Amino acid sequence: MNKKRKIIKNISSITFGRFFSLAINFFSIAIAARYLGVENFGLFSSVVALVTILSKFVDFGLGSIVFREASREEAGFQLVFSSLNLRLFFFVILAVLY
């Protein structure tokens, strides 16, 4: 029973996180589109596409891996902080290269 409860807890937290991220993205793009207007929206869409592609290189799939491993261990915070440091390192390298 404990394993079933843990699985439901993990699935619900992942689902809530994805929904929250989707809502933030939706509102931020809607506000930016309204603020920029028709003239500058083409530039905005190009920047959004570039950031989306580059964020996949910075993320490197660490989010789901860290979440899975942190839920298995009791001391998962050290793994989360290591993941954040690794993401920051990838971001700095990508920013320098860009």
C-alpha atoms as a PDB file:
ATOM      1  CA  MET A   1       0.000   0.000   0.000  1.00  0.00           C
ATOM      2  CA  ASN A   2       2.870   2.370   0.764  1.00  0.00           C
ATOM      3  CA  LYS A   3       4.353   1.889  -2.701  1.00  0.00           C
ATOM      4  CA  LYS A   4       1.008   2.652  -4.362  1.00  0.00           C
ATOM      5  CA  ARG A   5       0.630   5.839  -2.328  1.00  0.00           C
ATOM      6  CA  LYS A   6       4.174   6.913  -3.253  1.00  0.00           C
ATOM      7  CA  ILE A   7       3.494   6.356  -6.961  1.00  0.00           C
ATOM      8  CA  ILE A   8       0.272   8.374  -6.804  1.00  0.00           C
ATOM      9  CA  LYS A   9       2.076  11.154  -4.934  1.00  0.00           C
ATOM     10  CA  ASN A  10       4.873  11.269  -7.523  1.00  0.00           C
ATOM     11  CA  ILE A  11       2.496  11.253 -10.491  1.00  0.00           C
ATOM     12  CA  SER A  12       0.331  13.979  -8.989  1.00  0.00           C
ATOM     13  CA  SER A  13       3.305  16.201  -8.219  1.00  0.00           C
ATOM     14  CA  ILE A  14       4.704  15.785 -11.736  1.00  0.00           C
ATOM     15  CA  THR A  15       1.283  16.528 -13.233  1.00  0.00           C
ATOM     16  CA  PHE A  16       0.801  19.604 -11.054  1.00  0.00           C
ATOM     17  CA  GLY A  17       4.294  20.846 -11.951  1.00  0.00           C
ATOM     18  CA  ARG A  18       3.658  20.447 -15.663  1.00  0.00           C
ATOM     19  CA  PHE A  19       0.266  22.158 -15.424  1.00  0.00           C
ATOM     20  CA  PHE A  20       1.738  25.048 -13.423  1.00  0.00           C
ATOM     21  CA  SER A  21       4.561  25.461 -15.955  1.00  0.00           C
ATOM     22  CA  LEU A  22       2.084  25.402 -18.839  1.00  0.00           C
ATOM     23  CA  ALA A  23      -0.075  28.060 -17.166  1.00  0.00           C
ATOM     24  CA  ILE A  24       2.927  30.320 -16.550  1.00  0.00           C
ATOM     25  CA  ASN A  25       4.077  29.921 -20.158  1.00  0.00           C
ATOM     26  CA  PHE A  26       0.598  30.636 -21.502  1.00  0.00           C
ATOM     27  CA  PHE A  27       0.137  33.829 -19.520  1.00  0.00           C
ATOM     28  CA  SER A  28       3.650  35.123 -20.133  1.00  0.00           C
ATOM     29  CA  ILE A  29       3.369  34.646 -23.893  1.00  0.00           C
ATOM     30  CA  ALA A  30      -0.109  36.210 -23.943  1.00  0.00           C
ATOM     31  CA  ILE A  31       1.092  39.245 -21.993  1.00  0.00           C
ATOM     32  CA  ALA A  32       4.189  39.628 -24.191  1.00  0.00           C
ATOM     33  CA  ALA A  33       2.130  39.340 -27.385  1.00  0.00           C
ATOM     34  CA  ARG A  34      -0.294  41.977 -26.153  1.00  0.00           C
ATOM     35  CA  TYR A  35       2.511  44.303 -25.104  1.00  0.00           C
ATOM     36  CA  LEU A  36       4.611  43.927 -28.273  1.00  0.00           C
ATOM     37  CA  GLY A  37       1.816  44.154 -30.780  1.00  0.00           C
ATOM     38  CA  VAL A  38       1.895  43.001 -34.375  1.00  0.00           C
ATOM     39  CA  GLU A  39       5.070  44.850 -35.336  1.00  0.00           C
ATOM     40  CA  ASN A  40       7.447  43.173 -32.892  1.00  0.00           C
ATOM     41  CA  PHE A  41       5.768  39.794 -32.432  1.00  0.00           C
ATOM     42  CA  GLY A  42       7.851  38.188 -35.208  1.00  0.00           C
ATOM     43  CA  LEU A  43      11.027  39.039 -33.331  1.00  0.00           C
ATOM     44  CA  PHE A  44       9.472  37.761 -30.124  1.00  0.00           C
ATOM     45  CA  SER A  45       8.508  34.438 -31.696  1.00  0.00           C
ATOM     46  CA  SER A  46      12.054  34.015 -33.011  1.00  0.00           C
ATOM     47  CA  VAL A  47      13.477  34.636 -29.549  1.00  0.00           C
ATOM     48  CA  VAL A  48      11.009  32.206 -27.969  1.00  0.00           C
ATOM     49  CA  ALA A  49      11.985  29.522 -30.503  1.00  0.00           C
ATOM     50  CA  LEU A  50      15.687  30.093 -29.844  1.00  0.00           C
ATOM     51  CA  VAL A  51      15.257  30.000 -26.075  1.00  0.00           C
ATOM     52  CA  THR A  52      13.168  26.828 -26.313  1.00  0.00           C
ATOM     53  CA  ILE A  53      15.828  25.053 -28.340  1.00  0.00           C
ATOM     54  CA  LEU A  54      18.682  26.236 -26.138  1.00  0.00           C
ATOM     55  CA  SER A  55      16.820  25.340 -22.951  1.00  0.00           C
ATOM     56  CA  LYS A  56      16.759  21.706 -24.063  1.00  0.00           C
ATOM     57  CA  PHE A  57      20.553  21.732 -24.117  1.00  0.00           C
ATOM     58  CA  VAL A  58      20.740  23.366 -20.687  1.00  0.00           C
ATOM     59  CA  ASP A  59      18.112  21.052 -19.194  1.00  0.00           C
ATOM     60  CA  PHE A  60      19.720  17.932 -20.667  1.00  0.00           C
ATOM     61  CA  GLY A  61      16.843  15.829 -19.306  1.00  0.00           C
ATOM     62  CA  LEU A  62      17.924  16.318 -15.726  1.00  0.00           C
ATOM     63  CA  GLY A  63      14.507  17.287 -14.364  1.00  0.00           C
ATOM     64  CA  SER A  64      12.841  13.915 -14.593  1.00  0.00           C
ATOM     65  CA  ILE A  65      15.991  11.996 -13.684  1.00  0.00           C
ATOM     66  CA  VAL A  66      16.572  14.056 -10.562  1.00  0.00           C
ATOM     67  CA  PHE A  67      12.928  13.830  -9.545  1.00  0.00           C
ATOM     68  CA  ARG A  68      12.949  10.063  -9.920  1.00  0.00           C
ATOM     69  CA  GLU A  69      16.168   9.586  -7.988  1.00  0.00           C
ATOM     70  CA  ALA A  70      15.270  12.114  -5.270  1.00  0.00           C
ATOM     71  CA  SER A  71      12.001  10.313  -4.626  1.00  0.00           C
ATOM     72  CA  ARG A  72      13.887   7.046  -4.116  1.00  0.00           C
ATOM     73  CA  GLU A  73      16.350   8.450  -1.580  1.00  0.00           C
ATOM     74  CA  GLU A  74      15.726  10.197   1.696  1.00  0.00           C
ATOM     75  CA  ALA A  75      18.603  12.676   1.202  1.00  0.00           C
ATOM     76  CA  GLY A  76      17.442  13.829  -2.223  1.00  0.00           C
ATOM     77  CA  PHE A  77      18.183  17.514  -1.638  1.00  0.00           C
ATOM     78  CA  GLN A  78      21.881  17.031  -2.272  1.00  0.00           C
ATOM     79  CA  LEU A  79      20.998  15.507  -5.640  1.00  0.00           C
ATOM     80  CA  VAL A  80      18.694  18.432  -6.451  1.00  0.00           C
ATOM     81  CA  PHE A  81      21.370  20.994  -5.603  1.00  0.00           C
ATOM     82  CA  SER A  82      23.952  19.085  -7.659  1.00  0.00           C
ATOM     83  CA  SER A  83      21.529  19.109 -10.570  1.00  0.00           C
ATOM     84  CA  LEU A  84      21.013  22.860 -10.247  1.00  0.00           C
ATOM     85  CA  ASN A  85      24.767  23.400 -10.242  1.00  0.00           C
ATOM     86  CA  LEU A  86      25.138  21.212 -13.317  1.00  0.00           C
ATOM     87  CA  ARG A  87      22.385  23.165 -15.107  1.00  0.00           C
ATOM     88  CA  LEU A  88      24.083  26.432 -14.201  1.00  0.00           C
ATOM     89  CA  PHE A  89      27.354  25.080 -15.574  1.00  0.00           C
ATOM     90  CA  PHE A  90      25.675  24.070 -18.856  1.00  0.00           C
ATOM     91  CA  PHE A  91      24.005  27.486 -19.066  1.00  0.00           C
ATOM     92  CA  VAL A  92      27.292  29.344 -18.629  1.00  0.00           C
ATOM     93  CA  ILE A  93      28.994  27.219 -21.283  1.00  0.00           C
ATOM     94  CA  LEU A  94      26.097  27.740 -23.700  1.00  0.00           C
ATOM     95  CA  ALA A  95      26.000  31.495 -23.018  1.00  0.00           C
ATOM     96  CA  VAL A  96      29.738  31.788 -23.676  1.00  0.00           C
ATOM     97  CA  LEU A  97      29.473  29.758 -26.877  1.00  0.00           C
ATOM     98  CA  TYR A  98      26.498  31.745 -28.084  1.00  0.00           C
END
